[in-house]
Amino acid sequence: MMTFKKIAKTAFITTIFWSTLYAGNRDKTMEFYIVPQYIEAKSLDFNGESKADIDSSVSFGLGFGYNFTPNLNLGMLFSYAEADYDGRYYDSSVGQYVTKRHTLYTSSINVVGTYYFLDGDFTPFVSAHVGYTHTNTGIGNGQIYVGCPPFYWGPCLPYEGAYTDNSLNYGGFAGVRYDFDGGFFLKGAVGVNVIDYNSQNRADFTVYQITLGSTF
């Protein structure tokens, strides 16, 4: 997590730097942006008596894209989130279902297509995305691994592995964008992200986004 924070800080500084060099409209330009996101709480039911009541959480994303025209953008978005949840699952160590508090860790990579309805500085837009989400449930799987710090700056220590999941995700957003002088832009949007978990009810998460970026 600390590494991701350092990357986010570097991304923010880079965004401000490029915005000072840009003059012009969106056509045939590159974009770099950071995306704080708020994800609403969600309850998911699984096979048997398994269940996860996931709290609302804050996610953070880094993205880049290319404006083929003032109206059409295609890019990539990388995001990370942590959410606490109450999980009910079968614990083989005690031979029964238990409910415990854990933290869910998710990281995603998505291809994002965006259509802007207007050519000017202010425009509404819609976007669609599809990608891949890796989920760490925070529930120990009983297997012991050994982890070492980068460049071996410290001792290698054992840790217990956790149950994980790799899933398709997809969704869409609608919002508005404003381009300021100097290439800096701001976007606000609301939408849904569906993660293809093996749940009995649809894993559709309502997401609110604020995007801060620069065009160059």
Protein backbone atom coordinates (compact mmCIF):
# COMPACT_ATOMS: atom_id res chain seq x y z
CA MET A 1 0.00 0.00 0.00
CA MET A 2 2.83 2.41 0.77
CA THR A 3 4.27 1.79 -2.68
CA PHE A 4 0.92 2.66 -4.30
CA LYS A 5 0.80 5.93 -2.28
CA LYS A 6 4.25 6.90 -3.56
CA ILE A 7 3.17 6.17 -7.14
CA ALA A 8 0.01 8.27 -6.61
CA LYS A 9 2.08 11.20 -5.30
CA THR A 10 4.41 11.01 -8.30
CA ALA A 11 1.40 10.83 -10.63
CA PHE A 12 -0.11 13.98 -9.11
CA ILE A 13 3.15 15.94 -9.53
CA THR A 14 3.47 14.70 -13.13
CA THR A 15 -0.11 15.75 -13.87
CA ILE A 16 0.52 19.30 -12.68
CA PHE A 17 3.79 19.49 -14.63
CA TRP A 18 2.29 18.46 -17.96
CA SER A 19 -0.65 20.82 -17.50
CA THR A 20 1.77 23.78 -17.50
CA LEU A 21 3.10 22.77 -20.95
CA TYR A 22 -0.18 22.27 -22.77
CA ALA A 23 -2.12 24.77 -24.85
CA GLY A 24 -4.95 23.71 -27.19
CA ASN A 25 -8.00 21.46 -27.35
CA ARG A 26 -8.46 17.72 -26.79
CA ASP A 27 -8.01 16.63 -30.41
CA LYS A 28 -5.03 14.28 -30.98
CA THR A 29 -3.71 14.64 -27.44
CA MET A 30 -2.59 12.35 -24.62
CA GLU A 31 -4.06 12.47 -21.11
CA PHE A 32 -2.78 11.46 -17.71
CA TYR A 33 -5.07 11.48 -14.67
CA ILE A 34 -5.71 10.40 -11.09
CA VAL A 35 -9.13 9.12 -9.99
CA PRO A 36 -10.33 9.12 -6.36
CA GLN A 37 -13.48 6.97 -6.15
CA TYR A 38 -16.15 6.36 -3.51
CA ILE A 39 -17.72 2.88 -3.62
CA GLU A 40 -21.07 2.26 -1.93
CA ALA A 41 -21.63 -0.63 0.50
CA LYS A 42 -22.84 -3.93 -0.91
CA SER A 43 -24.07 -7.29 0.48
CA LEU A 44 -23.28 -10.43 -1.49
CA ASP A 45 -24.73 -13.92 -0.97
CA PHE A 46 -22.82 -16.99 -2.10
CA ASN A 47 -23.54 -20.72 -2.28
CA GLY A 48 -24.65 -22.32 0.96
CA GLU A 49 -24.70 -19.92 3.92
CA SER A 50 -21.70 -17.85 2.81
CA LYS A 51 -22.21 -14.10 2.78
CA ALA A 52 -20.19 -10.86 2.69
CA ASP A 53 -21.51 -7.51 3.97
CA ILE A 54 -19.01 -5.09 2.42
CA ASP A 55 -18.65 -1.58 3.85
CA SER A 56 -18.42 1.52 1.69
CA SER A 57 -14.84 2.40 0.78
CA VAL A 58 -12.54 4.80 -1.03
CA SER A 59 -10.58 3.64 -4.07
CA PHE A 60 -7.77 5.30 -5.98
CA GLY A 61 -6.90 5.01 -9.65
CA LEU A 62 -4.22 6.07 -12.13
CA GLY A 63 -5.02 6.33 -15.80
CA PHE A 64 -3.91 7.51 -19.21
CA GLY A 65 -5.59 7.79 -22.59
CA TYR A 66 -5.51 9.21 -26.09
CA ASN A 67 -8.05 11.59 -27.63
CA PHE A 68 -8.54 10.41 -31.21
CA THR A 69 -10.96 13.32 -31.71
CA PRO A 70 -12.37 15.97 -29.33
CA ASN A 71 -15.21 13.49 -28.71
CA LEU A 72 -13.55 10.06 -28.50
CA ASN A 73 -10.99 8.85 -25.96
CA LEU A 74 -9.56 5.38 -25.34
CA GLY A 75 -7.38 4.61 -22.33
CA MET A 76 -6.34 2.39 -19.45
CA LEU A 77 -7.16 2.70 -15.75
CA PHE A 78 -5.36 0.98 -12.87
CA SER A 79 -7.09 1.08 -9.47
CA TYR A 80 -6.74 -0.21 -5.92
CA ALA A 81 -9.21 -0.40 -3.02
CA GLU A 82 -9.54 -1.71 0.52
CA ALA A 83 -12.91 -2.36 2.17
CA ASP A 84 -13.78 -3.85 5.57
CA TYR A 85 -16.51 -6.47 5.59
CA ASP A 86 -18.33 -8.98 7.78
CA GLY A 87 -17.88 -12.37 6.16
CA ARG A 88 -19.88 -15.51 6.92
CA TYR A 89 -18.11 -18.64 5.65
CA TYR A 90 -17.33 -22.23 6.53
CA ASP A 91 -14.27 -22.48 8.76
CA SER A 92 -12.79 -25.98 8.44
CA SER A 93 -10.69 -25.46 11.58
CA VAL A 94 -13.82 -25.41 13.74
CA GLY A 95 -16.11 -27.40 11.44
CA GLN A 96 -18.91 -24.83 11.19
CA TYR A 97 -19.97 -21.52 9.67
CA VAL A 98 -18.55 -18.44 11.39
CA THR A 99 -18.91 -14.68 10.94
CA LYS A 100 -15.74 -12.63 11.22
CA ARG A 101 -14.51 -9.14 10.35
CA HIS A 102 -11.94 -8.96 7.53
CA THR A 103 -10.53 -6.53 4.98
CA LEU A 104 -11.07 -7.02 1.26
CA TYR A 105 -8.22 -5.93 -1.05
CA THR A 106 -8.91 -5.41 -4.76
CA SER A 107 -6.71 -4.28 -7.65
CA SER A 108 -8.02 -3.78 -11.18
CA ILE A 109 -6.89 -2.98 -14.70
CA ASN A 110 -9.45 -1.73 -17.23
CA VAL A 111 -9.73 -0.58 -20.82
CA VAL A 112 -11.92 2.55 -20.84
CA GLY A 113 -13.71 4.11 -23.80
CA THR A 114 -15.22 7.61 -23.39
CA TYR A 115 -17.51 9.62 -25.63
CA TYR A 116 -17.82 13.40 -25.13
CA PHE A 117 -21.01 14.92 -26.53
CA LEU A 118 -19.56 18.41 -27.09
CA ASP A 119 -16.27 19.71 -28.53
CA GLY A 120 -15.89 22.61 -26.10
CA ASP A 121 -14.36 23.00 -22.67
CA PHE A 122 -17.55 21.89 -20.90
CA THR A 123 -19.17 18.64 -22.00
CA PRO A 124 -21.26 15.78 -20.65
CA PHE A 125 -19.92 12.31 -21.39
CA VAL A 126 -20.53 8.59 -21.09
CA SER A 127 -17.91 5.88 -20.69
CA ALA A 128 -17.72 2.09 -20.68
CA HIS A 129 -15.00 -0.16 -19.28
CA VAL A 130 -14.03 -3.81 -19.20
CA GLY A 131 -11.16 -5.45 -17.39
CA TYR A 132 -9.82 -7.75 -14.73
CA THR A 133 -10.02 -7.61 -10.92
CA HIS A 134 -7.82 -9.48 -8.44
CA THR A 135 -9.42 -9.88 -5.00
CA ASN A 136 -7.70 -10.85 -1.77
CA THR A 137 -10.36 -11.83 0.77
CA GLY A 138 -8.11 -11.39 3.80
CA ILE A 139 -9.20 -14.87 4.97
CA GLY A 140 -6.24 -17.14 5.69
CA ASN A 141 -5.96 -20.29 3.57
CA GLY A 142 -3.66 -22.15 5.96
CA GLN A 143 -0.62 -22.03 3.65
CA ILE A 144 2.60 -20.43 4.84
CA TYR A 145 4.82 -18.42 2.48
CA VAL A 146 8.05 -16.47 2.92
CA GLY A 147 8.18 -12.83 1.86
CA CYS A 148 11.25 -10.65 1.46
CA PRO A 149 11.42 -6.82 1.28
CA PRO A 150 12.62 -5.15 -1.96
CA PHE A 151 16.35 -5.55 -2.52
CA TYR A 152 16.43 -7.64 0.66
CA TRP A 153 16.46 -4.53 2.88
CA GLY A 154 15.51 -6.54 5.96
CA PRO A 155 14.80 -10.12 6.97
CA CYS A 156 12.56 -12.48 4.99
CA LEU A 157 9.56 -13.34 7.15
CA PRO A 158 6.86 -16.03 6.95
CA TYR A 159 3.23 -15.08 6.42
CA GLU A 160 -0.06 -16.89 5.92
CA GLY A 161 -1.62 -16.81 2.47
CA ALA A 162 -5.21 -15.78 1.83
CA TYR A 163 -8.04 -16.94 -0.41
CA THR A 164 -8.04 -14.93 -3.64
CA ASP A 165 -10.20 -14.53 -6.74
CA ASN A 166 -9.54 -13.35 -10.30
CA SER A 167 -12.63 -12.08 -12.09
CA LEU A 168 -13.88 -10.23 -15.13
CA ASN A 169 -15.33 -6.80 -14.40
CA TYR A 170 -17.24 -4.32 -16.55
CA GLY A 171 -19.51 -1.29 -16.29
CA GLY A 172 -20.18 2.28 -17.32
CA PHE A 173 -20.34 5.89 -16.13
CA ALA A 174 -22.03 9.17 -16.98
CA GLY A 175 -20.78 12.60 -15.98
CA VAL A 176 -19.45 16.00 -16.98
CA ARG A 177 -16.00 17.37 -17.83
CA TYR A 178 -14.46 20.82 -17.84
CA ASP A 179 -11.12 21.74 -19.48
CA PHE A 180 -9.28 24.66 -17.89
CA ASP A 181 -6.61 26.84 -19.51
CA GLY A 182 -3.20 25.18 -19.40
CA GLY A 183 -4.43 21.66 -20.09
CA PHE A 184 -5.77 20.82 -16.63
CA PHE A 185 -9.19 19.12 -16.60
CA LEU A 186 -11.72 18.02 -14.01
CA LYS A 187 -14.41 15.33 -14.35
CA GLY A 188 -17.22 14.15 -12.10
CA ALA A 189 -19.17 10.96 -12.77
CA VAL A 190 -21.36 8.28 -11.26
CA GLY A 191 -21.72 4.74 -12.53
CA VAL A 192 -21.60 1.05 -11.84
CA ASN A 193 -18.83 -1.53 -11.77
CA VAL A 194 -19.87 -5.19 -11.97
CA ILE A 195 -17.40 -7.82 -10.74
CA ASP A 196 -18.12 -11.33 -11.97
CA TYR A 197 -18.01 -13.00 -8.57
CA ASN A 198 -19.73 -16.36 -8.13
CA SER A 199 -22.49 -14.73 -6.07
CA GLN A 200 -26.20 -15.42 -6.09
CA ASN A 201 -27.04 -11.73 -6.35
CA ARG A 202 -25.45 -9.34 -8.85
CA ALA A 203 -22.12 -7.87 -7.70
CA ASP A 204 -22.85 -4.40 -9.07
CA PHE A 205 -21.10 -1.67 -7.09
CA THR A 206 -22.25 1.96 -7.37
CA VAL A 207 -19.19 4.18 -7.79
CA TYR A 208 -18.69 7.97 -7.65
CA GLN A 209 -15.62 9.41 -9.38
CA ILE A 210 -13.67 12.66 -9.34
CA THR A 211 -10.98 12.76 -12.03
CA LEU A 212 -8.07 15.22 -11.97
CA GLY A 213 -5.86 15.23 -15.05
CA SER A 214 -3.80 17.01 -17.66
CA THR A 215 -3.77 16.95 -21.45
CA PHE A 216 -0.57 17.29 -23.46
